[in-house]
Amino acid sequence: MGSAPQGRFSQAAPVHNSDRLFALRVTVLYSLGGLLLSLLITAVGVLLTGQRDWLAAITLALLIPLLLLPPVCYPVLARLSALNRDNKLLRQQAREDHLTGLFNRPHLLSMLERELSLSLRHDYTVSILLIDIVDFSDIADRHGRHLGDSLLRVFSERIREKIRDSDLFGRIDGAQFLLVLPHTDYEDALHMAQGLRALTAAIQVQNGEERVGCDIRIGAACTENSGRQLNALLNEADYMLYQSRNEHRPHETA
């Protein structure tokens, strides 16, 4: 029973070479600082007491930091560096989709809710685009999971290159994405949807000698029409996306 906590701790934050290098650099700096401080204190003590055996005192002042600081500082700093690196990775995993590197659903919805609160406080509009890759499951079935994953990554990167820094883009489920457009009215959101369709039409992924593309459907919603409640906005976008699927035509005519 006593060995279990140790196993969990050792697995939680493995020490990598980068952690060791960081610990070594900082340990050297601490040791040099300790040497200077020890020499300064010793020199002051020798001058005040008039000690004749000053060489022994200086030698002792050099040995104490070198014997005490590195064995203590190095392992502690290496472990702290590993823990800090793991914490950064956990924070990243908590907000990013593992496949595309976009925001994941919980983090994106949390940011959207925050954006809606800000829009209410500062009186500006927020639009969202719910984007669905058409027949993605059929594409993955015909060409394989690997190509499907590649298509999602390429699609995500192309869209991310087109949007503004202030826009929020994430993958919320399978081949469905959500784009949040602050300071954007409904008409401008529809123009953005047109641009995204044109951009997607040019996306192709190589599969042997064949090039595979995709199409998207988009459902738009805006605080102008749906209010600033998160669920109401999402439901409106989902309804418009549903209409687009049923009508088999571009969403903005709905």
C-alpha atoms as a PDB file:
ATOM      1  CA  MET A   1       0.000   0.000   0.000  1.00  0.00           C
ATOM      2  CA  GLY A   2       2.882   2.350   0.758  1.00  0.00           C
ATOM      3  CA  SER A   3       4.320   2.139  -2.754  1.00  0.00           C
ATOM      4  CA  ALA A   4       1.164   3.256  -4.597  1.00  0.00           C
ATOM      5  CA  PRO A   5       1.440   7.012  -3.941  1.00  0.00           C
ATOM      6  CA  GLN A   6       5.073   6.959  -5.042  1.00  0.00           C
ATOM      7  CA  GLY A   7       4.133   5.278  -8.326  1.00  0.00           C
ATOM      8  CA  ARG A   8       1.425   7.814  -9.022  1.00  0.00           C
ATOM      9  CA  PHE A   9       3.755  10.697  -8.249  1.00  0.00           C
ATOM     10  CA  SER A  10       6.528   9.379 -10.499  1.00  0.00           C
ATOM     11  CA  GLN A  11       4.099   8.876 -13.371  1.00  0.00           C
ATOM     12  CA  ALA A  12       2.474  12.268 -12.933  1.00  0.00           C
ATOM     13  CA  ALA A  13       5.454  14.357 -14.003  1.00  0.00           C
ATOM     14  CA  PRO A  14       8.345  12.452 -15.615  1.00  0.00           C
ATOM     15  CA  VAL A  15      11.571  14.443 -15.679  1.00  0.00           C
ATOM     16  CA  HIS A  16      12.811  15.110 -19.217  1.00  0.00           C
ATOM     17  CA  ASN A  17      16.208  16.275 -20.443  1.00  0.00           C
ATOM     18  CA  SER A  18      14.869  19.822 -20.796  1.00  0.00           C
ATOM     19  CA  ASP A  19      13.936  19.773 -17.105  1.00  0.00           C
ATOM     20  CA  ARG A  20      17.400  18.549 -16.158  1.00  0.00           C
ATOM     21  CA  LEU A  21      19.058  21.228 -18.270  1.00  0.00           C
ATOM     22  CA  PHE A  22      16.893  23.927 -16.682  1.00  0.00           C
ATOM     23  CA  ALA A  23      17.669  22.584 -13.195  1.00  0.00           C
ATOM     24  CA  LEU A  24      21.398  22.487 -13.980  1.00  0.00           C
ATOM     25  CA  ARG A  25      21.484  26.087 -15.210  1.00  0.00           C
ATOM     26  CA  VAL A  26      19.560  27.415 -12.228  1.00  0.00           C
ATOM     27  CA  THR A  27      21.575  25.305  -9.784  1.00  0.00           C
ATOM     28  CA  VAL A  28      24.819  26.762 -11.181  1.00  0.00           C
ATOM     29  CA  LEU A  29      23.433  30.283 -10.740  1.00  0.00           C
ATOM     30  CA  TYR A  30      22.267  29.547  -7.195  1.00  0.00           C
ATOM     31  CA  SER A  31      25.635  27.984  -6.356  1.00  0.00           C
ATOM     32  CA  LEU A  32      27.549  30.981  -7.673  1.00  0.00           C
ATOM     33  CA  GLY A  33      25.284  33.298  -5.731  1.00  0.00           C
ATOM     34  CA  GLY A  34      25.758  31.185  -2.622  1.00  0.00           C
ATOM     35  CA  LEU A  35      29.554  31.232  -3.074  1.00  0.00           C
ATOM     36  CA  LEU A  36      29.645  35.012  -3.372  1.00  0.00           C
ATOM     37  CA  LEU A  37      27.387  35.476  -0.376  1.00  0.00           C
ATOM     38  CA  SER A  38      29.366  33.002   1.711  1.00  0.00           C
ATOM     39  CA  LEU A  39      32.670  34.643   0.769  1.00  0.00           C
ATOM     40  CA  LEU A  40      31.288  38.083   1.595  1.00  0.00           C
ATOM     41  CA  ILE A  41      30.017  36.994   5.008  1.00  0.00           C
ATOM     42  CA  THR A  42      33.259  35.178   5.766  1.00  0.00           C
ATOM     43  CA  ALA A  43      35.401  38.130   4.714  1.00  0.00           C
ATOM     44  CA  VAL A  44      33.395  40.471   6.929  1.00  0.00           C
ATOM     45  CA  GLY A  45      33.707  38.022   9.810  1.00  0.00           C
ATOM     46  CA  VAL A  46      37.470  37.703   9.375  1.00  0.00           C
ATOM     47  CA  LEU A  47      37.891  41.482   9.309  1.00  0.00           C
ATOM     48  CA  LEU A  48      35.725  42.016  12.385  1.00  0.00           C
ATOM     49  CA  THR A  49      37.230  39.241  14.501  1.00  0.00           C
ATOM     50  CA  GLY A  50      40.790  39.591  13.278  1.00  0.00           C
ATOM     51  CA  GLN A  51      41.023  35.849  12.751  1.00  0.00           C
ATOM     52  CA  ARG A  52      44.508  34.827  11.665  1.00  0.00           C
ATOM     53  CA  ASP A  53      43.593  31.548   9.974  1.00  0.00           C
ATOM     54  CA  TRP A  54      41.722  33.346   7.234  1.00  0.00           C
ATOM     55  CA  LEU A  55      42.665  30.767   4.582  1.00  0.00           C
ATOM     56  CA  ALA A  56      40.770  28.012   6.401  1.00  0.00           C
ATOM     57  CA  ALA A  57      37.766  30.288   6.790  1.00  0.00           C
ATOM     58  CA  ILE A  58      37.750  31.154   3.079  1.00  0.00           C
ATOM     59  CA  THR A  59      38.112  27.477   2.148  1.00  0.00           C
ATOM     60  CA  LEU A  60      35.189  26.577   4.383  1.00  0.00           C
ATOM     61  CA  ALA A  61      33.146  29.402   2.852  1.00  0.00           C
ATOM     62  CA  LEU A  62      33.739  27.905  -0.591  1.00  0.00           C
ATOM     63  CA  LEU A  63      33.042  24.317   0.379  1.00  0.00           C
ATOM     64  CA  ILE A  64      29.772  24.828   2.261  1.00  0.00           C
ATOM     65  CA  PRO A  65      27.735  26.203  -0.717  1.00  0.00           C
ATOM     66  CA  LEU A  66      29.254  23.663  -3.106  1.00  0.00           C
ATOM     67  CA  LEU A  67      28.440  20.758  -0.799  1.00  0.00           C
ATOM     68  CA  LEU A  68      24.956  21.872   0.214  1.00  0.00           C
ATOM     69  CA  LEU A  69      23.325  23.768  -2.666  1.00  0.00           C
ATOM     70  CA  PRO A  70      23.716  21.465  -5.732  1.00  0.00           C
ATOM     71  CA  PRO A  71      22.437  18.240  -4.059  1.00  0.00           C
ATOM     72  CA  VAL A  72      19.388  20.088  -2.769  1.00  0.00           C
ATOM     73  CA  CYS A  73      18.611  22.492  -5.611  1.00  0.00           C
ATOM     74  CA  TYR A  74      19.127  20.233  -8.636  1.00  0.00           C
ATOM     75  CA  PRO A  75      16.536  17.490  -7.887  1.00  0.00           C
ATOM     76  CA  VAL A  76      14.004  19.974  -6.541  1.00  0.00           C
ATOM     77  CA  LEU A  77      14.302  22.286  -9.544  1.00  0.00           C
ATOM     78  CA  ALA A  78      14.141  19.372 -12.012  1.00  0.00           C
ATOM     79  CA  ARG A  79      10.941  18.119 -10.381  1.00  0.00           C
ATOM     80  CA  LEU A  80       9.391  21.604 -10.287  1.00  0.00           C
ATOM     81  CA  SER A  81      10.209  22.093 -13.974  1.00  0.00           C
ATOM     82  CA  ALA A  82       8.580  18.754 -14.831  1.00  0.00           C
ATOM     83  CA  LEU A  83       5.473  19.619 -12.807  1.00  0.00           C
ATOM     84  CA  ASN A  84       5.225  23.040 -14.445  1.00  0.00           C
ATOM     85  CA  ARG A  85       5.541  21.492 -17.914  1.00  0.00           C
ATOM     86  CA  ASP A  86       2.859  18.925 -17.148  1.00  0.00           C
ATOM     87  CA  ASN A  87       0.544  21.606 -15.771  1.00  0.00           C
ATOM     88  CA  LYS A  88       0.934  23.630 -18.980  1.00  0.00           C
ATOM     89  CA  LEU A  89       0.160  20.515 -21.027  1.00  0.00           C
ATOM     90  CA  LEU A  90      -2.939  19.766 -18.938  1.00  0.00           C
ATOM     91  CA  ARG A  91      -4.184  23.341 -19.341  1.00  0.00           C
ATOM     92  CA  GLN A  92      -3.636  23.072 -23.090  1.00  0.00           C
ATOM     93  CA  GLN A  93      -5.457  19.731 -23.289  1.00  0.00           C
ATOM     94  CA  ALA A  94      -8.332  21.155 -21.273  1.00  0.00           C
ATOM     95  CA  ARG A  95      -9.041  23.794 -23.904  1.00  0.00           C
ATOM     96  CA  GLU A  96      -7.824  22.292 -27.204  1.00  0.00           C
ATOM     97  CA  ASP A  97      -9.187  19.612 -29.502  1.00  0.00           C
ATOM     98  CA  HIS A  98      -6.595  16.838 -29.742  1.00  0.00           C
ATOM     99  CA  LEU A  99      -6.948  16.348 -33.514  1.00  0.00           C
ATOM    100  CA  THR A 100      -7.166  19.861 -34.939  1.00  0.00           C
ATOM    101  CA  GLY A 101      -5.618  22.028 -32.234  1.00  0.00           C
ATOM    102  CA  LEU A 102      -8.755  24.196 -32.235  1.00  0.00           C
ATOM    103  CA  PHE A 103     -10.722  25.036 -29.110  1.00  0.00           C
ATOM    104  CA  ASN A 104     -12.739  22.086 -27.849  1.00  0.00           C
ATOM    105  CA  ARG A 105     -16.451  22.254 -27.126  1.00  0.00           C
ATOM    106  CA  PRO A 106     -16.399  23.044 -23.367  1.00  0.00           C
ATOM    107  CA  HIS A 107     -13.773  25.762 -23.684  1.00  0.00           C
ATOM    108  CA  LEU A 108     -15.359  27.322 -26.776  1.00  0.00           C
ATOM    109  CA  LEU A 109     -18.824  27.458 -25.225  1.00  0.00           C
ATOM    110  CA  SER A 110     -17.345  28.982 -22.097  1.00  0.00           C
ATOM    111  CA  MET A 111     -15.655  31.676 -24.203  1.00  0.00           C
ATOM    112  CA  LEU A 112     -18.854  32.259 -26.169  1.00  0.00           C
ATOM    113  CA  GLU A 113     -20.782  32.757 -22.946  1.00  0.00           C
ATOM    114  CA  ARG A 114     -18.170  35.258 -21.807  1.00  0.00           C
ATOM    115  CA  GLU A 115     -18.373  37.054 -25.173  1.00  0.00           C
ATOM    116  CA  LEU A 116     -22.141  37.300 -24.867  1.00  0.00           C
ATOM    117  CA  SER A 117     -21.798  38.859 -21.415  1.00  0.00           C
ATOM    118  CA  LEU A 118     -19.317  41.400 -22.787  1.00  0.00           C
ATOM    119  CA  SER A 119     -21.593  42.173 -25.727  1.00  0.00           C
ATOM    120  CA  LEU A 120     -24.426  42.928 -23.320  1.00  0.00           C
ATOM    121  CA  ARG A 121     -22.232  45.198 -21.224  1.00  0.00           C
ATOM    122  CA  HIS A 122     -20.756  47.100 -24.171  1.00  0.00           C
ATOM    123  CA  ASP A 123     -23.746  46.840 -26.528  1.00  0.00           C
ATOM    124  CA  TYR A 124     -22.350  45.124 -29.623  1.00  0.00           C
ATOM    125  CA  THR A 125     -23.601  42.238 -31.746  1.00  0.00           C
ATOM    126  CA  VAL A 126     -22.212  38.712 -31.833  1.00  0.00           C
ATOM    127  CA  SER A 127     -22.878  36.224 -34.610  1.00  0.00           C
ATOM    128  CA  ILE A 128     -22.102  32.529 -34.757  1.00  0.00           C
ATOM    129  CA  LEU A 129     -21.714  30.082 -37.639  1.00  0.00           C
ATOM    130  CA  LEU A 130     -22.412  26.418 -37.017  1.00  0.00           C
ATOM    131  CA  ILE A 131     -20.456  24.575 -39.712  1.00  0.00           C
ATOM    132  CA  ASP A 132     -21.000  20.975 -40.734  1.00  0.00           C
ATOM    133  CA  ILE A 133     -18.886  19.051 -43.267  1.00  0.00           C
ATOM    134  CA  VAL A 134     -21.338  17.357 -45.626  1.00  0.00           C
ATOM    135  CA  ASP A 135     -21.351  13.531 -45.549  1.00  0.00           C
ATOM    136  CA  PHE A 136     -18.098  13.365 -43.625  1.00  0.00           C
ATOM    137  CA  SER A 137     -18.828   9.869 -42.315  1.00  0.00           C
ATOM    138  CA  ASP A 138     -19.241   8.636 -45.901  1.00  0.00           C
ATOM    139  CA  ILE A 139     -15.905  10.242 -46.854  1.00  0.00           C
ATOM    140  CA  ALA A 140     -14.187   8.507 -43.937  1.00  0.00           C
ATOM    141  CA  ASP A 141     -15.837   5.184 -44.786  1.00  0.00           C
ATOM    142  CA  ARG A 142     -14.820   5.342 -48.438  1.00  0.00           C
ATOM    143  CA  HIS A 143     -11.288   6.648 -48.024  1.00  0.00           C
ATOM    144  CA  GLY A 144     -10.317   5.602 -44.526  1.00  0.00           C
ATOM    145  CA  ARG A 145     -10.073   7.180 -41.109  1.00  0.00           C
ATOM    146  CA  HIS A 146      -6.585   8.555 -41.736  1.00  0.00           C
ATOM    147  CA  LEU A 147      -7.736  10.620 -44.701  1.00  0.00           C
ATOM    148  CA  GLY A 148     -10.764  11.803 -42.745  1.00  0.00           C
ATOM    149  CA  ASP A 149      -8.501  13.051 -39.955  1.00  0.00           C
ATOM    150  CA  SER A 150      -6.236  14.762 -42.490  1.00  0.00           C
ATOM    151  CA  LEU A 151      -9.244  16.458 -44.058  1.00  0.00           C
ATOM    152  CA  LEU A 152     -10.371  17.773 -40.671  1.00  0.00           C
ATOM    153  CA  ARG A 153      -6.906  19.135 -39.928  1.00  0.00           C
ATOM    154  CA  VAL A 154      -6.532  20.827 -43.328  1.00  0.00           C
ATOM    155  CA  PHE A 155     -10.043  22.279 -43.125  1.00  0.00           C
ATOM    156  CA  SER A 156      -9.390  23.618 -39.630  1.00  0.00           C
ATOM    157  CA  GLU A 157      -6.110  25.228 -40.636  1.00  0.00           C
ATOM    158  CA  ARG A 158      -7.534  26.902 -43.745  1.00  0.00           C
ATOM    159  CA  ILE A 159     -10.459  28.383 -41.838  1.00  0.00           C
ATOM    160  CA  ARG A 160      -8.198  29.538 -39.023  1.00  0.00           C
ATOM    161  CA  GLU A 161      -6.021  31.372 -41.543  1.00  0.00           C
ATOM    162  CA  LYS A 162      -9.043  33.272 -42.896  1.00  0.00           C
ATOM    163  CA  ILE A 163     -10.720  34.455 -39.691  1.00  0.00           C
ATOM    164  CA  ARG A 164      -9.759  37.424 -37.525  1.00  0.00           C
ATOM    165  CA  ASP A 165      -7.667  37.172 -34.387  1.00  0.00           C
ATOM    166  CA  SER A 166     -10.700  38.229 -32.357  1.00  0.00           C
ATOM    167  CA  ASP A 167     -12.869  35.414 -33.764  1.00  0.00           C
ATOM    168  CA  LEU A 168     -13.256  32.161 -31.833  1.00  0.00           C
ATOM    169  CA  PHE A 169     -13.129  28.883 -33.736  1.00  0.00           C
ATOM    170  CA  GLY A 170     -13.490  25.375 -32.391  1.00  0.00           C
ATOM    171  CA  ARG A 171     -14.512  21.827 -33.109  1.00  0.00           C
ATOM    172  CA  ILE A 172     -17.581  20.859 -31.132  1.00  0.00           C
ATOM    173  CA  ASP A 173     -18.482  17.390 -32.403  1.00  0.00           C
ATOM    174  CA  GLY A 174     -17.019  15.089 -35.043  1.00  0.00           C
ATOM    175  CA  ALA A 175     -17.106  17.096 -38.277  1.00  0.00           C
ATOM    176  CA  GLN A 176     -19.039  20.013 -36.797  1.00  0.00           C
ATOM    177  CA  PHE A 177     -17.406  23.329 -35.980  1.00  0.00           C
ATOM    178  CA  LEU A 178     -18.450  26.591 -34.382  1.00  0.00           C
ATOM    179  CA  LEU A 179     -17.185  30.022 -35.383  1.00  0.00           C
ATOM    180  CA  VAL A 180     -17.915  32.957 -33.062  1.00  0.00           C
ATOM    181  CA  LEU A 181     -17.811  36.394 -34.699  1.00  0.00           C
ATOM    182  CA  PRO A 182     -17.783  39.308 -32.225  1.00  0.00           C
ATOM    183  CA  HIS A 183     -18.820  42.753 -33.522  1.00  0.00           C
ATOM    184  CA  THR A 184     -20.487  41.101 -36.541  1.00  0.00           C
ATOM    185  CA  ASP A 185     -24.116  41.529 -37.604  1.00  0.00           C
ATOM    186  CA  TYR A 186     -26.227  38.894 -39.319  1.00  0.00           C
ATOM    187  CA  GLU A 187     -25.603  40.102 -42.887  1.00  0.00           C
ATOM    188  CA  ASP A 188     -21.862  40.176 -42.399  1.00  0.00           C
ATOM    189  CA  ALA A 189     -22.036  36.694 -40.896  1.00  0.00           C
ATOM    190  CA  LEU A 190     -23.792  35.460 -44.041  1.00  0.00           C
ATOM    191  CA  HIS A 191     -21.063  37.022 -46.190  1.00  0.00           C
ATOM    192  CA  MET A 192     -18.508  35.221 -44.056  1.00  0.00           C
ATOM    193  CA  ALA A 193     -20.441  31.976 -44.599  1.00  0.00           C
ATOM    194  CA  GLN A 194     -20.240  32.500 -48.370  1.00  0.00           C
ATOM    195  CA  GLY A 195     -16.503  33.031 -48.147  1.00  0.00           C
ATOM    196  CA  LEU A 196     -16.060  29.885 -46.071  1.00  0.00           C
ATOM    197  CA  ARG A 197     -17.977  27.818 -48.615  1.00  0.00           C
ATOM    198  CA  ALA A 198     -15.789  29.129 -51.424  1.00  0.00           C
ATOM    199  CA  LEU A 199     -12.686  28.444 -49.379  1.00  0.00           C
ATOM    200  CA  THR A 200     -13.816  24.913 -48.549  1.00  0.00           C
ATOM    201  CA  ALA A 201     -14.556  24.140 -52.202  1.00  0.00           C
ATOM    202  CA  ALA A 202     -10.857  24.570 -52.916  1.00  0.00           C
ATOM    203  CA  ILE A 203      -9.714  22.215 -50.147  1.00  0.00           C
ATOM    204  CA  GLN A 204      -8.480  18.825 -51.311  1.00  0.00           C
ATOM    205  CA  VAL A 205      -6.531  16.063 -49.619  1.00  0.00           C
ATOM    206  CA  GLN A 206      -4.372  13.612 -51.550  1.00  0.00           C
ATOM    207  CA  ASN A 207      -5.398   9.940 -51.351  1.00  0.00           C
ATOM    208  CA  GLY A 208      -3.012   8.020 -53.563  1.00  0.00           C
ATOM    209  CA  GLU A 209      -3.674   9.258 -57.052  1.00  0.00           C
ATOM    210  CA  GLU A 210      -7.060  10.649 -56.050  1.00  0.00           C
ATOM    211  CA  ARG A 211      -7.752  14.052 -54.519  1.00  0.00           C
ATOM    212  CA  VAL A 212     -10.625  14.192 -52.059  1.00  0.00           C
ATOM    213  CA  GLY A 213     -12.544  17.384 -51.290  1.00  0.00           C
ATOM    214  CA  CYS A 214     -15.550  18.302 -49.207  1.00  0.00           C
ATOM    215  CA  ASP A 215     -18.491  20.664 -48.944  1.00  0.00           C
ATOM    216  CA  ILE A 216     -20.013  22.369 -45.921  1.00  0.00           C
ATOM    217  CA  ARG A 217     -23.386  23.518 -44.690  1.00  0.00           C
ATOM    218  CA  ILE A 218     -23.669  26.459 -42.335  1.00  0.00           C
ATOM    219  CA  GLY A 219     -26.282  27.647 -39.897  1.00  0.00           C
ATOM    220  CA  ALA A 220     -26.012  31.268 -38.778  1.00  0.00           C
ATOM    221  CA  ALA A 221     -27.443  33.088 -35.787  1.00  0.00           C
ATOM    222  CA  CYS A 222     -26.965  36.546 -34.332  1.00  0.00           C
ATOM    223  CA  THR A 223     -27.752  38.313 -31.079  1.00  0.00           C
ATOM    224  CA  GLU A 224     -29.775  40.827 -33.142  1.00  0.00           C
ATOM    225  CA  ASN A 225     -32.413  38.142 -33.710  1.00  0.00           C
ATOM    226  CA  SER A 226     -31.848  35.500 -31.050  1.00  0.00           C
ATOM    227  CA  GLY A 227     -30.864  37.507 -28.013  1.00  0.00           C
ATOM    228  CA  ARG A 228     -27.823  36.985 -25.849  1.00  0.00           C
ATOM    229  CA  GLN A 229     -28.729  33.710 -24.186  1.00  0.00           C
ATOM    230  CA  LEU A 230     -26.252  30.985 -25.073  1.00  0.00           C
ATOM    231  CA  ASN A 231     -28.773  28.191 -25.617  1.00  0.00           C
ATOM    232  CA  ALA A 232     -31.110  30.361 -27.672  1.00  0.00           C
ATOM    233  CA  LEU A 233     -28.282  31.427 -29.977  1.00  0.00           C
ATOM    234  CA  LEU A 234     -27.041  27.858 -30.437  1.00  0.00           C
ATOM    235  CA  ASN A 235     -30.545  26.532 -31.006  1.00  0.00           C
ATOM    236  CA  GLU A 236     -31.170  29.135 -33.710  1.00  0.00           C
ATOM    237  CA  ALA A 237     -27.932  28.250 -35.508  1.00  0.00           C
ATOM    238  CA  ASP A 238     -28.734  24.541 -35.193  1.00  0.00           C
ATOM    239  CA  TYR A 239     -32.226  25.110 -36.605  1.00  0.00           C
ATOM    240  CA  MET A 240     -30.844  27.024 -39.590  1.00  0.00           C
ATOM    241  CA  LEU A 241     -28.310  24.247 -40.158  1.00  0.00           C
ATOM    242  CA  TYR A 242     -31.154  21.713 -40.048  1.00  0.00           C
ATOM    243  CA  GLN A 243     -33.077  23.754 -42.606  1.00  0.00           C
ATOM    244  CA  SER A 244     -30.002  23.848 -44.811  1.00  0.00           C
ATOM    245  CA  ARG A 245     -29.683  20.073 -44.671  1.00  0.00           C
ATOM    246  CA  ASN A 246     -33.324  19.546 -45.581  1.00  0.00           C
ATOM    247  CA  GLU A 247     -33.404  22.056 -48.405  1.00  0.00           C
ATOM    248  CA  HIS A 248     -30.027  21.038 -49.929  1.00  0.00           C
ATOM    249  CA  ARG A 249     -29.229  24.639 -50.756  1.00  0.00           C
ATOM    250  CA  PRO A 250     -27.021  27.463 -49.326  1.00  0.00           C
ATOM    251  CA  HIS A 251     -28.149  28.582 -45.909  1.00  0.00           C
ATOM    252  CA  GLU A 252     -28.260  32.292 -46.478  1.00  0.00           C
ATOM    253  CA  THR A 253     -31.380  31.937 -48.654  1.00  0.00           C
ATOM    254  CA  ALA A 254     -33.229  30.400 -45.724  1.00  0.00           C
END
